[in-house]
Amino acid sequence: MTILYFLLILGLVVLVHEIGHFIFAKKAGIYVYEFALGMGPRIFKFNRKKKVKDKKGNITLVPDETEYSIRLFPIGGFVSMAGEEVEPDVEVPDEKRFQSKTWISRFLTIVSGVIFNFMFAIILLFIIGLVNGVQLNSTQLTAVDNDLYPTLEEGDKIVRIEGRRIRNHDRLQLELAIHADSEFTMIVEHSDGTKSSVQVNPIVEKDEDDNIVAIDLGFRIKGDRYDNVWGAIKFSFGKFFSTIEQMFFTVLYLFTGDLNLGMLAGPIGIYNVVGMASAAGFMSLLSLLAFLSINIGFINLLPIPALDGGRLVFLIVEKIKGSPIDSNIENRIHFVAFILLMVLLVYVTFNDILRFF
């Protein structure tokens, strides 16, 4: 069942993203070669029929230009459009190429995948909030071990860790993950509005191979509860933006060295998380689906060639300079960046295998 859940969750996230690109590409009149789920060799493909009316009003069914396919490796997907290839396809009319469309049409075609992922995640989070009625975005303490921290009380709010401002539960989780294996300073705000500094020395449990198996901080975080539609709306948007903030700082900390690439998860890591989520129940699977949808959207917005964000950079530069960028040069840059991203994926997957075994 874990394999099935894994394929469904990853497939849904990719499907939503690529449908966004596909709809706006078709709407703009761009020639679409292929709509694919997965990467690598094709294992299934088809062409749907579309209705075409001639001058006399007769309707005939002809194969659509787009090939719809499922590929072997469930690690992504793509919408292949005319104008993205390194060598121009002379068989496609210029007016159906990506570069021939208006700036706004190209912009919408690029960002639509991210927008669809974000919208999908917010809908899922709304359903989760409506059913569960729980909003875990608090930084308030509960179940405090007063033998370890006599100055702390239930209801105290964590506002900073090592000088970094903490505004929500997701950012708190990230900072605790970074500092959980060493002593760190935490600033808390008490119920009377006063603040105090607390030294936190985590209790780390390790196995015989010196791997961390458990961490006890001596306190837990309180969750706020909502049991109505308005609460579900607040939860969906609040959780969405706090997850975006968490991902922003995750990427930032990768550059600053606070996090290392070994902490990233690839397909095998996601598979393990899916297994744990499925054991926790259906709502946990929905939560994971929402998180991955936000993750895919955010990663694609990064200004890296081959990603949607990288394509947006070229589009913005074109707008600023007032003339198009040579499509051959741009497509070659995207191609090289794609190869490098695949190398990174192999590295992350290798680390997943090491952790798994």
Protein backbone atom coordinates (compact mmCIF):
# COMPACT_ATOMS: atom_id res chain seq x y z
CA MET A 1 0.00 0.00 0.00
CA THR A 2 2.89 2.37 0.68
CA ILE A 3 4.01 2.05 -2.94
CA LEU A 4 0.48 2.81 -4.14
CA TYR A 5 0.18 5.84 -1.84
CA PHE A 6 3.62 7.03 -2.94
CA LEU A 7 2.69 6.86 -6.62
CA LEU A 8 -0.68 8.50 -6.04
CA ILE A 9 0.67 11.37 -3.92
CA LEU A 10 3.67 12.14 -6.10
CA GLY A 11 1.59 11.66 -9.25
CA LEU A 12 -1.14 14.03 -8.01
CA VAL A 13 1.32 16.78 -7.08
CA VAL A 14 3.04 16.56 -10.48
CA LEU A 15 -0.28 16.26 -12.34
CA VAL A 16 -1.65 19.42 -10.74
CA HIS A 17 1.53 21.34 -11.58
CA GLU A 18 1.71 20.21 -15.20
CA ILE A 19 -2.02 20.73 -15.80
CA GLY A 20 -1.47 24.39 -14.91
CA HIS A 21 1.25 24.73 -17.57
CA PHE A 22 -0.77 22.72 -20.09
CA ILE A 23 -4.01 24.69 -19.78
CA PHE A 24 -2.35 28.08 -20.19
CA ALA A 25 -0.07 26.86 -23.00
CA LYS A 26 -3.07 25.59 -24.94
CA LYS A 27 -5.02 28.74 -24.17
CA ALA A 28 -2.15 30.84 -25.56
CA GLY A 29 -2.06 28.74 -28.74
CA ILE A 30 1.37 27.20 -28.08
CA TYR A 31 2.14 23.92 -29.81
CA VAL A 32 2.48 21.23 -27.11
CA TYR A 33 4.41 18.12 -28.11
CA GLU A 34 3.86 16.07 -24.99
CA PHE A 35 2.16 16.04 -21.60
CA ALA A 36 4.11 13.57 -19.47
CA LEU A 37 3.92 12.21 -15.94
CA GLY A 38 7.23 10.78 -14.80
CA MET A 39 10.67 10.82 -16.41
CA GLY A 40 12.68 8.36 -18.46
CA PRO A 41 11.35 5.81 -20.97
CA ARG A 42 7.66 5.89 -21.93
CA ILE A 43 5.58 3.00 -20.59
CA PHE A 44 2.23 4.27 -21.89
CA LYS A 45 1.10 6.90 -24.41
CA PHE A 46 -1.94 7.99 -26.41
CA ASN A 47 -3.26 10.83 -28.54
CA ARG A 48 -6.79 11.98 -27.94
CA LYS A 49 -9.13 12.95 -30.77
CA LYS A 50 -10.32 16.52 -31.23
CA LYS A 51 -13.20 17.91 -33.29
CA VAL A 52 -12.32 19.99 -36.34
CA LYS A 53 -14.93 21.88 -38.38
CA ASP A 54 -14.30 22.57 -42.06
CA LYS A 55 -15.61 25.52 -44.10
CA LYS A 56 -18.83 23.66 -44.88
CA GLY A 57 -19.52 23.01 -41.21
CA ASN A 58 -18.65 19.32 -41.33
CA ILE A 59 -17.02 17.99 -38.16
CA THR A 60 -14.32 15.35 -38.24
CA LEU A 61 -12.19 13.78 -35.51
CA VAL A 62 -8.45 14.16 -35.93
CA PRO A 63 -5.56 13.22 -33.58
CA ASP A 64 -4.57 16.00 -31.22
CA GLU A 65 -1.02 17.36 -31.67
CA THR A 66 -0.17 16.49 -28.07
CA GLU A 67 1.03 13.07 -26.98
CA TYR A 68 -0.08 12.11 -23.46
CA SER A 69 2.31 9.73 -21.73
CA ILE A 70 3.34 8.06 -18.49
CA ARG A 71 7.07 7.49 -18.04
CA LEU A 72 8.95 4.95 -15.99
CA PHE A 73 10.39 6.98 -13.11
CA PRO A 74 7.80 8.82 -10.94
CA ILE A 75 10.11 11.74 -10.06
CA GLY A 76 8.48 14.56 -12.00
CA GLY A 77 6.78 15.38 -15.24
CA PHE A 78 6.78 17.95 -18.00
CA VAL A 79 4.83 19.78 -20.69
CA SER A 80 7.03 19.91 -23.79
CA MET A 81 6.27 23.06 -25.80
CA ALA A 82 7.52 24.32 -29.16
CA GLY A 83 10.25 26.88 -28.56
CA GLU A 84 11.87 25.10 -25.59
CA GLU A 85 14.07 22.80 -27.68
CA VAL A 86 17.77 23.60 -28.18
CA GLU A 87 17.50 23.32 -31.96
CA PRO A 88 14.37 25.05 -33.35
CA ASP A 89 11.73 22.75 -34.84
CA VAL A 90 11.21 24.06 -38.38
CA GLU A 91 8.04 21.96 -38.77
CA VAL A 92 6.16 24.06 -36.20
CA PRO A 93 4.89 27.44 -37.46
CA ASP A 94 6.50 30.44 -35.79
CA GLU A 95 3.13 31.67 -34.51
CA LYS A 96 2.72 28.47 -32.45
CA ARG A 97 6.10 28.74 -30.76
CA PHE A 98 6.42 29.87 -27.13
CA GLN A 99 8.54 32.90 -28.06
CA SER A 100 5.91 34.26 -30.46
CA LYS A 101 3.30 34.79 -27.76
CA THR A 102 2.69 37.97 -25.78
CA TRP A 103 4.73 38.61 -22.66
CA ILE A 104 1.74 38.14 -20.36
CA SER A 105 0.75 34.85 -22.08
CA ARG A 106 4.27 33.47 -21.57
CA PHE A 107 4.33 34.73 -17.98
CA LEU A 108 1.04 32.99 -17.16
CA THR A 109 2.14 29.79 -18.88
CA ILE A 110 5.29 29.70 -16.73
CA VAL A 111 3.74 30.57 -13.34
CA SER A 112 0.50 28.60 -13.77
CA GLY A 113 2.06 25.35 -12.54
CA VAL A 114 3.14 26.96 -9.28
CA ILE A 115 -0.23 28.71 -8.86
CA PHE A 116 -2.09 25.43 -9.35
CA ASN A 117 0.13 23.70 -6.75
CA PHE A 118 -0.47 26.48 -4.24
CA MET A 119 -4.24 26.54 -4.83
CA PHE A 120 -4.40 22.75 -4.50
CA ALA A 121 -2.49 22.87 -1.20
CA ILE A 122 -4.73 25.59 0.26
CA ILE A 123 -7.85 23.56 -0.62
CA LEU A 124 -6.37 20.46 1.03
CA LEU A 125 -5.39 22.44 4.14
CA PHE A 126 -8.91 23.87 4.36
CA ILE A 127 -10.35 20.33 4.30
CA ILE A 128 -7.86 19.23 6.96
CA GLY A 129 -8.68 22.22 9.17
CA LEU A 130 -12.42 21.66 8.72
CA VAL A 131 -12.25 17.97 9.62
CA ASN A 132 -9.59 18.03 12.33
CA GLY A 133 -10.41 21.42 13.81
CA VAL A 134 -6.78 21.77 14.91
CA GLN A 135 -4.36 24.60 14.13
CA LEU A 136 -0.76 23.69 14.97
CA ASN A 137 0.82 27.06 14.34
CA SER A 138 1.49 28.10 17.90
CA THR A 139 4.84 28.69 19.59
CA GLN A 140 3.40 28.43 23.11
CA LEU A 141 4.85 25.91 25.54
CA THR A 142 2.97 23.13 27.23
CA ALA A 143 3.99 20.16 29.41
CA VAL A 144 7.09 21.97 30.70
CA ASP A 145 9.61 20.00 32.76
CA ASN A 146 10.13 22.47 35.62
CA ASP A 147 12.99 20.43 37.05
CA LEU A 148 14.94 21.34 33.90
CA TYR A 149 13.45 24.81 33.38
CA PRO A 150 12.10 26.26 36.65
CA THR A 151 11.54 29.71 35.07
CA LEU A 152 9.27 28.39 32.30
CA GLU A 153 5.50 28.00 32.57
CA GLU A 154 2.83 26.53 30.35
CA GLY A 155 1.64 29.26 27.98
CA ASP A 156 5.06 30.93 27.64
CA LYS A 157 5.71 31.82 24.01
CA ILE A 158 8.99 31.15 22.18
CA VAL A 159 9.91 34.33 20.28
CA ARG A 160 13.58 33.78 19.35
CA ILE A 161 16.11 30.97 19.03
CA GLU A 162 19.76 31.97 18.77
CA GLY A 163 18.63 35.49 17.88
CA ARG A 164 16.34 34.37 15.05
CA ARG A 165 12.76 35.55 15.29
CA ILE A 166 10.15 32.81 15.64
CA ARG A 167 6.65 33.71 14.44
CA ASN A 168 4.99 30.35 13.85
CA HIS A 169 5.20 26.65 14.57
CA ASP A 170 6.74 25.70 11.23
CA ARG A 171 9.66 28.11 11.64
CA LEU A 172 10.05 26.85 15.22
CA GLN A 173 10.30 23.26 13.99
CA LEU A 174 13.02 24.21 11.53
CA GLU A 175 15.10 26.06 14.14
CA LEU A 176 14.71 23.25 16.68
CA ALA A 177 15.84 20.74 14.03
CA ILE A 178 18.97 22.80 13.39
CA HIS A 179 19.87 23.28 17.06
CA ALA A 180 18.41 20.14 18.62
CA ASP A 181 21.73 18.30 19.02
CA SER A 182 23.59 21.09 20.85
CA GLU A 183 22.95 23.72 23.51
CA PHE A 184 21.17 26.86 22.31
CA THR A 185 19.65 30.08 23.65
CA MET A 186 15.90 30.59 23.56
CA ILE A 187 14.00 33.81 24.30
CA VAL A 188 10.50 33.32 25.71
CA GLU A 189 7.72 35.80 26.38
CA HIS A 190 5.72 35.20 29.56
CA SER A 191 2.01 35.79 30.02
CA ASP A 192 2.69 39.15 31.72
CA GLY A 193 4.58 40.41 28.65
CA THR A 194 8.06 40.12 30.13
CA LYS A 195 10.79 38.18 28.36
CA SER A 196 13.61 36.00 29.59
CA SER A 197 16.51 34.07 28.14
CA VAL A 198 16.71 30.31 28.64
CA GLN A 199 19.60 27.96 27.88
CA VAL A 200 18.26 24.76 26.36
CA ASN A 201 20.41 21.65 26.58
CA PRO A 202 18.66 18.87 24.63
CA ILE A 203 18.70 15.34 25.96
CA VAL A 204 19.87 13.29 22.98
CA GLU A 205 19.43 9.51 22.82
CA LYS A 206 21.74 7.58 20.47
CA ASP A 207 21.94 3.97 19.39
CA GLU A 208 25.03 1.76 19.53
CA ASP A 209 26.22 3.20 16.20
CA ASP A 210 26.04 6.74 17.57
CA ASN A 211 22.98 7.63 15.47
CA ILE A 212 20.45 9.99 17.04
CA VAL A 213 17.20 8.12 17.71
CA ALA A 214 15.40 10.59 20.01
CA ILE A 215 15.68 14.15 21.29
CA ASP A 216 13.95 15.47 24.42
CA LEU A 217 13.88 19.25 24.91
CA GLY A 218 12.00 19.19 28.18
CA PHE A 219 8.87 20.88 26.83
CA ARG A 220 6.21 20.55 24.16
CA ILE A 221 4.44 23.05 21.93
CA LYS A 222 0.79 23.90 22.42
CA GLY A 223 -1.67 23.69 19.52
CA ASP A 224 -4.62 26.05 19.13
CA ARG A 225 -7.98 24.49 18.28
CA TYR A 226 -10.58 25.73 15.80
CA ASP A 227 -13.88 23.98 15.12
CA ASN A 228 -15.58 26.11 12.46
CA VAL A 229 -15.33 27.19 8.83
CA TRP A 230 -13.58 30.46 9.67
CA GLY A 231 -11.03 28.55 11.72
CA ALA A 232 -10.42 26.20 8.76
CA ILE A 233 -9.89 29.20 6.47
CA LYS A 234 -7.44 30.75 8.94
CA PHE A 235 -5.65 27.42 9.24
CA SER A 236 -5.35 26.87 5.48
CA PHE A 237 -3.86 30.27 4.70
CA GLY A 238 -1.82 30.48 7.91
CA LYS A 239 -0.31 27.04 7.38
CA PHE A 240 0.36 27.82 3.72
CA PHE A 241 2.32 31.00 4.43
CA SER A 242 4.18 29.52 7.41
CA THR A 243 5.23 26.56 5.26
CA ILE A 244 6.46 28.97 2.58
CA GLU A 245 8.48 30.80 5.25
CA GLN A 246 9.90 27.51 6.51
CA MET A 247 11.00 26.55 2.98
CA PHE A 248 12.52 29.97 2.35
CA PHE A 249 14.73 29.67 5.42
CA THR A 250 15.52 26.03 4.62
CA VAL A 251 16.97 27.12 1.26
CA LEU A 252 18.72 30.08 2.92
CA TYR A 253 20.30 27.82 5.56
CA LEU A 254 21.56 25.48 2.83
CA PHE A 255 23.55 28.41 1.45
CA THR A 256 24.75 29.62 4.86
CA GLY A 257 25.78 26.12 5.95
CA ASP A 258 23.30 25.81 8.84
CA LEU A 259 21.83 22.89 6.89
CA ASN A 260 23.67 20.51 4.59
CA LEU A 261 22.54 18.72 1.43
CA GLY A 262 22.57 15.44 3.31
CA MET A 263 19.43 16.56 5.15
CA LEU A 264 17.43 16.83 1.91
CA ALA A 265 15.10 14.01 0.92
CA GLY A 266 14.71 12.53 -2.54
CA PRO A 267 12.21 9.97 -3.87
CA ILE A 268 13.28 7.25 -1.41
CA GLY A 269 13.09 9.70 1.50
CA ILE A 270 9.62 10.76 0.38
CA TYR A 271 8.64 7.09 0.12
CA ASN A 272 9.62 6.56 3.78
CA VAL A 273 7.64 9.64 4.84
CA VAL A 274 4.61 8.36 2.90
CA GLY A 275 4.87 5.08 4.81
CA MET A 276 4.83 6.89 8.16
CA ALA A 277 1.96 9.16 7.06
CA SER A 278 -0.15 6.23 5.86
CA ALA A 279 0.33 4.52 9.23
CA ALA A 280 -0.96 7.68 10.95
CA GLY A 281 -4.16 7.79 8.89
CA PHE A 282 -5.82 9.41 5.89
CA MET A 283 -5.61 12.99 7.20
CA SER A 284 -1.85 12.62 7.62
CA LEU A 285 -1.63 11.58 3.98
CA LEU A 286 -3.62 14.69 3.02
CA SER A 287 -1.27 16.83 5.09
CA LEU A 288 1.73 15.31 3.33
CA LEU A 289 0.06 15.86 -0.05
CA ALA A 290 -0.49 19.54 0.79
CA PHE A 291 3.09 19.94 2.04
CA LEU A 292 4.57 18.35 -1.09
CA SER A 293 2.37 20.49 -3.33
CA ILE A 294 3.66 23.64 -1.62
CA ASN A 295 7.18 22.22 -1.80
CA ILE A 296 7.00 21.58 -5.55
CA GLY A 297 5.54 25.04 -6.14
CA PHE A 298 8.16 26.80 -4.01
CA ILE A 299 11.14 24.91 -5.46
CA ASN A 300 9.95 25.70 -8.98
CA LEU A 301 9.88 29.41 -8.13
CA LEU A 302 13.59 29.46 -7.28
CA PRO A 303 15.54 31.58 -9.82
CA ILE A 304 17.44 28.58 -11.15
CA PRO A 305 17.61 27.83 -14.90
CA ALA A 306 15.49 24.83 -15.97
CA LEU A 307 12.99 25.62 -13.20
CA ASP A 308 9.97 27.89 -13.66
CA GLY A 309 11.67 30.58 -11.58
CA GLY A 310 14.69 30.53 -13.87
CA ARG A 311 12.48 30.96 -16.92
CA LEU A 312 10.77 33.87 -15.19
CA VAL A 313 14.17 35.52 -14.69
CA PHE A 314 14.80 35.44 -18.44
CA LEU A 315 11.31 36.77 -19.07
CA ILE A 316 11.81 39.66 -16.63
CA VAL A 317 15.21 40.48 -18.15
CA GLU A 318 13.54 40.60 -21.55
CA LYS A 319 10.95 43.02 -20.18
CA ILE A 320 13.63 45.26 -18.68
CA LYS A 321 15.89 45.34 -21.74
CA GLY A 322 12.96 45.74 -24.10
CA SER A 323 13.98 42.98 -26.51
CA PRO A 324 13.87 39.16 -26.57
CA ILE A 325 16.78 37.05 -25.38
CA ASP A 326 18.21 34.66 -27.96
CA SER A 327 16.08 31.54 -27.47
CA ASN A 328 18.93 29.21 -28.48
CA ILE A 329 21.19 30.62 -25.75
CA GLU A 330 18.42 30.52 -23.14
CA ASN A 331 17.41 26.94 -23.99
CA ARG A 332 21.03 25.76 -23.82
CA ILE A 333 21.38 27.31 -20.36
CA HIS A 334 18.20 25.57 -19.23
CA PHE A 335 19.44 22.27 -20.67
CA VAL A 336 22.78 22.42 -18.83
CA ALA A 337 21.02 23.41 -15.59
CA PHE A 338 18.62 20.48 -16.00
CA ILE A 339 21.56 18.07 -16.22
CA LEU A 340 23.06 19.56 -13.05
CA LEU A 341 19.71 19.23 -11.25
CA MET A 342 19.58 15.56 -12.25
CA VAL A 343 23.07 15.10 -10.77
CA LEU A 344 21.84 16.71 -7.55
CA LEU A 345 18.83 14.37 -7.54
CA VAL A 346 21.14 11.36 -7.88
CA TYR A 347 23.25 12.64 -4.96
CA VAL A 348 20.19 13.18 -2.74
CA THR A 349 18.80 9.76 -3.70
CA PHE A 350 22.15 8.14 -2.83
CA ASN A 351 21.98 9.76 0.62
CA ASP A 352 18.41 8.47 0.98
CA ILE A 353 19.65 4.94 0.25
CA LEU A 354 22.41 5.26 2.85
CA ARG A 355 19.89 6.43 5.48
CA PHE A 356 17.39 3.74 4.53
CA PHE A 357 19.88 0.89 4.87
